[in-house]
């Protein structure tokens, strides 16, 4: 008989799609911020380039973090071959997470080596803002959905 608690910590498709929706909404907001505050067309191009670069790495990083934590928390309830498979999945997603951190470091070094322009700064701000806005707003929406019964 399958242990029903083994699926307790795995995120549902609805939860992942919710966070994906929030990250796409932040992408639209970030593009709008770059569009509004970039002083010239060449600065807008630079801002959008860096914003999209950091946004994409941030989204992959947050997905890897969520998947790693889900499989690590799920290890407690599993035994035997299922535990080994979950450990390998957690290790794989943890490797993706570490690779994203390495990519962040390389991108920040490359950005600091370039000229300090307002487009670069704007792109870095909005791109790295993904790491704050997506978990904050996504977590708020998730908690409202999960705790809805507590308010009734």
N, C-alpha and C. Protein backbone atom coordinates (compact mmCIF):
# COMPACT_ATOMS: atom_id res chain seq x y z
N UNK A 1 0.84 -1.18 0.00
CA UNK A 1 0.00 0.00 0.00
C UNK A 1 0.88 1.25 0.00
N UNK A 2 0.54 2.18 -0.84
CA UNK A 2 1.32 3.43 -1.01
C UNK A 2 1.15 4.31 0.23
N UNK A 3 2.24 4.87 0.70
CA UNK A 3 2.20 5.79 1.82
C UNK A 3 1.77 7.16 1.32
N UNK A 4 0.60 7.61 1.75
CA UNK A 4 0.05 8.87 1.24
C UNK A 4 0.83 10.08 1.75
N UNK A 5 1.52 9.95 2.86
CA UNK A 5 2.29 11.09 3.37
C UNK A 5 3.54 11.33 2.55
N UNK A 6 3.93 10.37 1.69
CA UNK A 6 5.14 10.57 0.89
C UNK A 6 4.94 11.67 -0.15
N UNK A 7 3.72 11.99 -0.48
CA UNK A 7 3.43 13.04 -1.43
C UNK A 7 3.14 14.38 -0.75
N UNK A 8 3.30 14.43 0.56
CA UNK A 8 2.92 15.60 1.33
C UNK A 8 3.68 16.86 0.91
N UNK A 9 4.97 16.76 0.66
CA UNK A 9 5.79 17.94 0.43
C UNK A 9 6.01 18.27 -1.04
N UNK A 10 5.56 17.43 -1.95
CA UNK A 10 5.77 17.72 -3.36
C UNK A 10 4.82 18.82 -3.81
N UNK A 11 5.33 19.85 -4.44
CA UNK A 11 4.46 20.95 -4.87
C UNK A 11 3.52 20.52 -5.99
N UNK A 12 2.32 21.02 -5.93
CA UNK A 12 1.35 20.68 -6.95
C UNK A 12 1.60 21.49 -8.22
N UNK A 13 1.02 21.03 -9.29
CA UNK A 13 1.15 21.74 -10.57
C UNK A 13 0.52 23.13 -10.45
N UNK A 14 -0.57 23.22 -9.69
CA UNK A 14 -1.25 24.51 -9.51
C UNK A 14 -0.35 25.51 -8.79
N UNK A 15 0.40 25.03 -7.80
CA UNK A 15 1.32 25.90 -7.07
C UNK A 15 2.45 26.38 -7.97
N UNK A 16 3.02 25.48 -8.75
CA UNK A 16 4.11 25.86 -9.66
C UNK A 16 3.61 26.84 -10.71
N UNK A 17 2.41 26.59 -11.24
CA UNK A 17 1.84 27.52 -12.23
C UNK A 17 1.55 28.88 -11.62
N UNK A 18 1.18 28.92 -10.34
CA UNK A 18 0.96 30.19 -9.66
C UNK A 18 2.24 31.01 -9.58
N UNK A 19 3.33 30.35 -9.18
CA UNK A 19 4.61 31.06 -9.12
C UNK A 19 5.10 31.44 -10.51
N UNK A 20 4.84 30.61 -11.51
CA UNK A 20 5.20 30.95 -12.88
C UNK A 20 4.41 32.17 -13.35
N UNK A 21 3.13 32.24 -12.98
CA UNK A 21 2.32 33.41 -13.33
C UNK A 21 2.84 34.67 -12.68
N UNK A 22 3.26 34.57 -11.42
CA UNK A 22 3.82 35.74 -10.73
C UNK A 22 5.13 36.15 -11.38
N UNK A 23 5.95 35.18 -11.79
CA UNK A 23 7.23 35.54 -12.42
C UNK A 23 7.00 36.19 -13.79
N UNK A 24 5.99 35.73 -14.53
CA UNK A 24 5.67 36.38 -15.81
C UNK A 24 5.11 37.78 -15.59
N UNK A 25 4.32 37.95 -14.52
CA UNK A 25 3.82 39.29 -14.20
C UNK A 25 4.97 40.22 -13.85
N UNK A 26 5.96 39.71 -13.09
CA UNK A 26 7.13 40.54 -12.77
C UNK A 26 7.93 40.86 -14.02
N UNK A 27 7.98 39.94 -14.97
CA UNK A 27 8.66 40.21 -16.24
C UNK A 27 8.01 41.39 -16.94
N UNK A 28 6.70 41.42 -16.98
CA UNK A 28 5.98 42.53 -17.61
C UNK A 28 6.22 43.84 -16.85
N UNK A 29 6.18 43.76 -15.52
CA UNK A 29 6.43 44.96 -14.70
C UNK A 29 7.87 45.43 -14.90
N UNK A 30 8.83 44.51 -14.93
CA UNK A 30 10.23 44.89 -15.13
C UNK A 30 10.47 45.52 -16.48
N UNK A 31 9.85 44.98 -17.52
CA UNK A 31 9.97 45.59 -18.84
C UNK A 31 9.37 46.99 -18.84
N UNK A 32 8.24 47.14 -18.15
CA UNK A 32 7.62 48.46 -18.04
C UNK A 32 8.51 49.45 -17.30
N UNK A 33 9.14 49.00 -16.23
CA UNK A 33 10.05 49.88 -15.48
C UNK A 33 11.23 50.29 -16.35
N UNK A 34 11.80 49.32 -17.06
CA UNK A 34 12.93 49.64 -17.96
C UNK A 34 12.48 50.61 -19.05
N UNK A 35 11.33 50.37 -19.61
CA UNK A 35 10.81 51.22 -20.69
C UNK A 35 10.59 52.66 -20.19
N UNK A 36 10.05 52.78 -18.99
CA UNK A 36 9.71 54.10 -18.46
C UNK A 36 10.93 54.89 -18.01
N UNK A 37 11.90 54.21 -17.36
CA UNK A 37 13.01 54.93 -16.75
C UNK A 37 14.29 54.99 -17.60
N UNK A 38 14.36 54.23 -18.69
CA UNK A 38 15.57 54.29 -19.52
C UNK A 38 15.62 55.64 -20.25
N UNK A 39 16.71 56.37 -20.13
CA UNK A 39 16.77 57.71 -20.71
C UNK A 39 16.88 57.73 -22.23
N UNK A 40 17.44 56.70 -22.84
CA UNK A 40 17.63 56.70 -24.29
C UNK A 40 17.42 55.29 -24.82
N UNK A 41 17.31 55.19 -26.15
CA UNK A 41 17.03 53.90 -26.78
C UNK A 41 18.16 52.90 -26.55
N UNK A 42 19.40 53.35 -26.60
CA UNK A 42 20.50 52.41 -26.38
C UNK A 42 20.56 51.96 -24.92
N UNK A 43 20.18 52.85 -24.00
CA UNK A 43 20.10 52.47 -22.58
C UNK A 43 18.95 51.49 -22.34
N UNK A 44 17.85 51.66 -23.07
CA UNK A 44 16.73 50.74 -22.96
C UNK A 44 17.14 49.35 -23.41
N UNK A 45 17.89 49.26 -24.49
CA UNK A 45 18.35 47.97 -24.99
C UNK A 45 19.24 47.28 -23.96
N UNK A 46 20.15 48.03 -23.36
CA UNK A 46 21.04 47.48 -22.33
C UNK A 46 20.24 47.05 -21.11
N UNK A 47 19.30 47.87 -20.69
CA UNK A 47 18.49 47.55 -19.51
C UNK A 47 17.66 46.29 -19.75
N UNK A 48 17.03 46.18 -20.92
CA UNK A 48 16.23 44.99 -21.22
C UNK A 48 17.09 43.74 -21.32
N UNK A 49 18.27 43.88 -21.90
CA UNK A 49 19.19 42.74 -22.01
C UNK A 49 19.52 42.17 -20.64
N UNK A 50 19.98 43.04 -19.73
CA UNK A 50 20.37 42.58 -18.40
C UNK A 50 19.17 42.13 -17.58
N UNK A 51 18.04 42.82 -17.76
CA UNK A 51 16.85 42.43 -17.01
C UNK A 51 16.40 41.03 -17.42
N UNK A 52 16.33 40.75 -18.72
CA UNK A 52 15.90 39.43 -19.19
C UNK A 52 16.89 38.34 -18.80
N UNK A 53 18.17 38.67 -18.82
CA UNK A 53 19.19 37.71 -18.44
C UNK A 53 19.06 37.32 -16.98
N UNK A 54 19.00 38.31 -16.10
CA UNK A 54 18.88 38.01 -14.68
C UNK A 54 17.51 37.45 -14.32
N UNK A 55 16.46 37.86 -15.01
CA UNK A 55 15.12 37.31 -14.76
C UNK A 55 15.11 35.82 -15.06
N UNK A 56 15.66 35.41 -16.20
CA UNK A 56 15.64 34.00 -16.57
C UNK A 56 16.46 33.15 -15.61
N UNK A 57 17.63 33.61 -15.23
CA UNK A 57 18.45 32.85 -14.27
C UNK A 57 17.76 32.81 -12.91
N UNK A 58 17.10 33.89 -12.52
CA UNK A 58 16.40 33.93 -11.23
C UNK A 58 15.24 32.95 -11.20
N UNK A 59 14.48 32.86 -12.28
CA UNK A 59 13.34 31.94 -12.32
C UNK A 59 13.82 30.49 -12.25
N UNK A 60 14.88 30.18 -12.99
CA UNK A 60 15.43 28.82 -12.93
C UNK A 60 15.97 28.54 -11.54
N UNK A 61 16.62 29.52 -10.93
CA UNK A 61 17.16 29.37 -9.58
C UNK A 61 16.05 29.11 -8.56
N UNK A 62 14.97 29.86 -8.64
CA UNK A 62 13.87 29.67 -7.70
C UNK A 62 13.18 28.32 -7.91
N UNK A 63 13.05 27.89 -9.15
CA UNK A 63 12.48 26.57 -9.42
C UNK A 63 13.37 25.48 -8.85
N UNK A 64 14.68 25.60 -9.05
CA UNK A 64 15.61 24.60 -8.52
C UNK A 64 15.58 24.58 -7.00
N UNK A 65 15.48 25.73 -6.38
CA UNK A 65 15.40 25.79 -4.92
C UNK A 65 14.14 25.09 -4.42
N UNK A 66 13.00 25.38 -5.05
CA UNK A 66 11.75 24.75 -4.64
C UNK A 66 11.76 23.24 -4.82
N UNK A 67 12.28 22.78 -5.95
CA UNK A 67 12.35 21.34 -6.21
C UNK A 67 13.32 20.66 -5.25
N UNK A 68 14.47 21.28 -5.00
CA UNK A 68 15.44 20.70 -4.06
C UNK A 68 14.83 20.55 -2.68
N UNK A 69 14.20 21.60 -2.19
CA UNK A 69 13.59 21.54 -0.86
C UNK A 69 12.46 20.52 -0.80
N UNK A 70 11.67 20.41 -1.86
CA UNK A 70 10.57 19.45 -1.88
C UNK A 70 11.09 18.02 -1.77
N UNK A 71 12.14 17.69 -2.52
CA UNK A 71 12.67 16.34 -2.47
C UNK A 71 13.41 16.06 -1.17
N UNK A 72 14.09 17.06 -0.62
CA UNK A 72 14.78 16.87 0.66
C UNK A 72 13.77 16.63 1.78
N UNK A 73 12.71 17.41 1.81
CA UNK A 73 11.69 17.20 2.84
C UNK A 73 10.94 15.89 2.65
N UNK A 74 10.86 15.43 1.42
CA UNK A 74 10.17 14.19 1.12
C UNK A 74 11.00 12.96 1.51
N UNK A 75 12.30 13.11 1.69
CA UNK A 75 13.17 11.99 2.05
C UNK A 75 12.79 11.35 3.38
N UNK A 76 12.23 12.13 4.28
CA UNK A 76 11.90 11.63 5.61
C UNK A 76 10.88 10.50 5.54
N UNK A 77 9.93 10.60 4.62
CA UNK A 77 8.83 9.65 4.56
C UNK A 77 9.07 8.47 3.65
N UNK A 78 10.18 8.42 2.96
CA UNK A 78 10.42 7.36 1.99
C UNK A 78 11.41 6.34 2.52
N UNK A 79 11.34 5.13 1.96
CA UNK A 79 12.27 4.07 2.34
C UNK A 79 12.77 3.37 1.09
N UNK A 80 13.90 2.71 1.22
CA UNK A 80 14.42 1.86 0.16
C UNK A 80 14.76 2.59 -1.12
N UNK A 81 14.31 1.98 -2.23
CA UNK A 81 14.64 2.52 -3.56
C UNK A 81 14.02 3.90 -3.79
N UNK A 82 12.84 4.12 -3.23
CA UNK A 82 12.20 5.43 -3.40
C UNK A 82 13.01 6.52 -2.72
N UNK A 83 13.60 6.19 -1.59
CA UNK A 83 14.43 7.17 -0.88
C UNK A 83 15.69 7.50 -1.69
N UNK A 84 16.30 6.49 -2.28
CA UNK A 84 17.50 6.71 -3.09
C UNK A 84 17.16 7.55 -4.32
N UNK A 85 16.03 7.26 -4.95
CA UNK A 85 15.62 8.03 -6.13
C UNK A 85 15.35 9.49 -5.77
N UNK A 86 14.69 9.71 -4.63
CA UNK A 86 14.42 11.08 -4.19
C UNK A 86 15.72 11.80 -3.84
N UNK A 87 16.69 11.08 -3.27
CA UNK A 87 17.99 11.69 -2.94
C UNK A 87 18.73 12.10 -4.20
N UNK A 88 18.67 11.26 -5.23
CA UNK A 88 19.32 11.61 -6.49
C UNK A 88 18.64 12.82 -7.13
N UNK A 89 17.31 12.87 -7.07
CA UNK A 89 16.60 14.04 -7.61
C UNK A 89 16.96 15.31 -6.83
N UNK A 90 17.02 15.20 -5.51
CA UNK A 90 17.39 16.36 -4.70
C UNK A 90 18.81 16.81 -5.03
N UNK A 91 19.71 15.86 -5.20
CA UNK A 91 21.09 16.19 -5.56
C UNK A 91 21.15 16.85 -6.95
N UNK A 92 20.36 16.35 -7.88
CA UNK A 92 20.35 16.93 -9.22
C UNK A 92 19.83 18.36 -9.20
N UNK A 93 18.72 18.59 -8.53
CA UNK A 93 18.18 19.95 -8.46
C UNK A 93 19.09 20.87 -7.64
N UNK A 94 19.77 20.32 -6.62
CA UNK A 94 20.73 21.11 -5.87
C UNK A 94 21.91 21.53 -6.73
N UNK A 95 22.31 20.65 -7.65
CA UNK A 95 23.38 20.99 -8.58
C UNK A 95 22.95 22.12 -9.52
N UNK A 96 21.70 22.07 -9.97
CA UNK A 96 21.17 23.16 -10.81
C UNK A 96 21.17 24.47 -10.02
N UNK A 97 20.78 24.39 -8.75
CA UNK A 97 20.77 25.58 -7.89
C UNK A 97 22.18 26.17 -7.75
N UNK A 98 23.17 25.32 -7.52
CA UNK A 98 24.54 25.79 -7.40
C UNK A 98 25.06 26.36 -8.72
N UNK A 99 24.66 25.76 -9.82
CA UNK A 99 25.05 26.29 -11.14
C UNK A 99 24.46 27.68 -11.34
N UNK A 100 23.24 27.89 -10.90
CA UNK A 100 22.62 29.22 -11.02
C UNK A 100 23.37 30.25 -10.18
N UNK A 101 23.83 29.85 -9.00
CA UNK A 101 24.61 30.78 -8.18
C UNK A 101 25.91 31.13 -8.90
N UNK A 102 26.55 30.14 -9.52
CA UNK A 102 27.76 30.40 -10.29
C UNK A 102 27.50 31.33 -11.46
N UNK A 103 26.37 31.13 -12.13
CA UNK A 103 26.01 32.01 -13.26
C UNK A 103 25.76 33.43 -12.76
N UNK A 104 25.09 33.57 -11.60
CA UNK A 104 24.89 34.90 -11.02
C UNK A 104 26.22 35.59 -10.78
N UNK A 105 27.17 34.88 -10.21
CA UNK A 105 28.47 35.46 -9.91
C UNK A 105 29.18 35.89 -11.19
N UNK A 106 29.17 35.03 -12.20
CA UNK A 106 29.82 35.39 -13.47
C UNK A 106 29.15 36.59 -14.12
N UNK A 107 27.83 36.64 -14.09
CA UNK A 107 27.13 37.78 -14.69
C UNK A 107 27.41 39.07 -13.94
N UNK A 108 27.46 39.01 -12.61
CA UNK A 108 27.76 40.21 -11.83
C UNK A 108 29.19 40.69 -12.07
N UNK A 109 30.12 39.76 -12.21
CA UNK A 109 31.50 40.15 -12.53
C UNK A 109 31.56 40.79 -13.91
N UNK A 110 30.85 40.20 -14.87
CA UNK A 110 30.84 40.78 -16.22
C UNK A 110 30.18 42.16 -16.21
N UNK A 111 29.11 42.32 -15.43
CA UNK A 111 28.44 43.61 -15.37
C UNK A 111 29.32 44.66 -14.70
N UNK A 112 30.07 44.26 -13.68
CA UNK A 112 30.93 45.24 -12.99
C UNK A 112 32.13 45.62 -13.84
N UNK A 113 32.54 44.74 -14.76
CA UNK A 113 33.68 45.05 -15.63
C UNK A 113 33.29 46.03 -16.73
N UNK A 114 32.01 46.08 -17.05
CA UNK A 114 31.53 47.00 -18.09
C UNK A 114 31.37 48.40 -17.55
N UNK A 115 30.93 49.28 -18.41
CA UNK A 115 30.72 50.66 -17.98
C UNK A 115 29.48 50.74 -17.09
N UNK A 116 29.53 51.62 -16.14
CA UNK A 116 28.40 51.80 -15.23
C UNK A 116 27.42 52.79 -15.84
N UNK A 117 26.45 52.28 -16.54
CA UNK A 117 25.46 53.14 -17.17
C UNK A 117 24.12 52.98 -16.46
N UNK A 118 23.23 53.91 -16.70
CA UNK A 118 21.91 53.83 -16.06
C UNK A 118 21.13 52.65 -16.59
N UNK A 119 21.34 52.28 -17.87
CA UNK A 119 20.66 51.12 -18.42
C UNK A 119 21.09 49.83 -17.75
N UNK A 120 22.40 49.70 -17.50
CA UNK A 120 22.94 48.53 -16.82
C UNK A 120 22.40 48.44 -15.40
N UNK A 121 22.44 49.55 -14.69
CA UNK A 121 21.94 49.58 -13.31
C UNK A 121 20.45 49.27 -13.25
N UNK A 122 19.69 49.81 -14.18
CA UNK A 122 18.25 49.56 -14.23
C UNK A 122 17.96 48.10 -14.53
N UNK A 123 18.70 47.51 -15.45
CA UNK A 123 18.53 46.10 -15.79
C UNK A 123 18.89 45.19 -14.63
N UNK A 124 19.98 45.51 -13.93
CA UNK A 124 20.37 44.72 -12.77
C UNK A 124 19.33 44.81 -11.66
N UNK A 125 18.83 46.00 -11.42
CA UNK A 125 17.83 46.19 -10.36
C UNK A 125 16.55 45.42 -10.65
N UNK A 126 16.03 45.55 -11.85
CA UNK A 126 14.77 44.87 -12.17
C UNK A 126 14.97 43.36 -12.34
N UNK A 127 16.11 42.94 -12.89
CA UNK A 127 16.36 41.52 -13.05
C UNK A 127 16.55 40.81 -11.72
N UNK A 128 17.36 41.39 -10.84
CA UNK A 128 17.56 40.79 -9.52
C UNK A 128 16.35 40.99 -8.62
N UNK A 129 15.48 41.94 -8.95
CA UNK A 129 14.23 42.10 -8.21
C UNK A 129 13.34 40.88 -8.30
N UNK A 130 13.58 40.05 -9.29
CA UNK A 130 12.83 38.80 -9.43
C UNK A 130 13.03 37.92 -8.21
N UNK A 131 14.24 37.92 -7.65
CA UNK A 131 14.54 37.08 -6.49
C UNK A 131 13.78 37.53 -5.25
N UNK A 132 13.28 38.74 -5.24
CA UNK A 132 12.51 39.23 -4.09
C UNK A 132 11.02 39.19 -4.39
N UNK A 133 10.63 39.71 -5.54
CA UNK A 133 9.21 39.87 -5.83
C UNK A 133 8.48 38.55 -6.04
N UNK A 134 9.08 37.61 -6.76
CA UNK A 134 8.38 36.35 -7.06
C UNK A 134 8.12 35.53 -5.80
N UNK A 135 9.11 35.28 -4.92
CA UNK A 135 8.78 34.54 -3.70
C UNK A 135 7.84 35.31 -2.77
N UNK A 136 7.98 36.62 -2.72
CA UNK A 136 7.14 37.41 -1.83
C UNK A 136 5.68 37.39 -2.27
N UNK A 137 5.43 37.75 -3.52
CA UNK A 137 4.05 37.79 -4.02
C UNK A 137 3.49 36.39 -4.21
N UNK A 138 4.31 35.47 -4.75
CA UNK A 138 3.85 34.09 -4.91
C UNK A 138 3.52 33.43 -3.59
N UNK A 139 4.36 33.66 -2.58
CA UNK A 139 4.08 33.12 -1.25
C UNK A 139 2.85 33.72 -0.62
N UNK A 140 2.65 35.01 -0.85
CA UNK A 140 1.44 35.65 -0.33
C UNK A 140 0.19 35.06 -0.96
N UNK A 141 0.20 34.89 -2.26
CA UNK A 141 -0.95 34.29 -2.94
C UNK A 141 -1.16 32.85 -2.52
N UNK A 142 -0.07 32.11 -2.38
CA UNK A 142 -0.17 30.72 -1.94
C UNK A 142 -0.76 30.63 -0.54
N UNK A 143 -0.27 31.48 0.38
CA UNK A 143 -0.77 31.43 1.75
C UNK A 143 -2.24 31.81 1.83
N UNK A 144 -2.67 32.75 0.99
CA UNK A 144 -4.08 33.11 0.98
C UNK A 144 -4.94 31.95 0.49
N UNK A 145 -4.43 31.21 -0.48
CA UNK A 145 -5.17 30.07 -1.02
C UNK A 145 -5.22 28.93 0.00
N UNK A 146 -4.09 28.66 0.66
CA UNK A 146 -4.01 27.55 1.60
C UNK A 146 -4.77 27.86 2.89
N UNK A 147 -4.68 29.09 3.36
CA UNK A 147 -5.29 29.46 4.64
C UNK A 147 -6.70 30.03 4.50
N UNK A 148 -7.28 29.90 3.33
CA UNK A 148 -8.62 30.44 3.11
C UNK A 148 -9.63 29.89 4.10
N UNK A 149 -9.51 28.61 4.44
CA UNK A 149 -10.44 27.98 5.37
C UNK A 149 -10.33 28.55 6.78
N UNK A 150 -9.14 29.09 7.15
CA UNK A 150 -8.95 29.63 8.49
C UNK A 150 -9.74 30.91 8.72
N UNK A 151 -10.06 31.63 7.65
CA UNK A 151 -10.78 32.88 7.77
C UNK A 151 -12.30 32.70 7.76
N UNK A 152 -12.73 31.50 7.43
CA UNK A 152 -14.18 31.27 7.34
C UNK A 152 -14.78 30.87 8.67
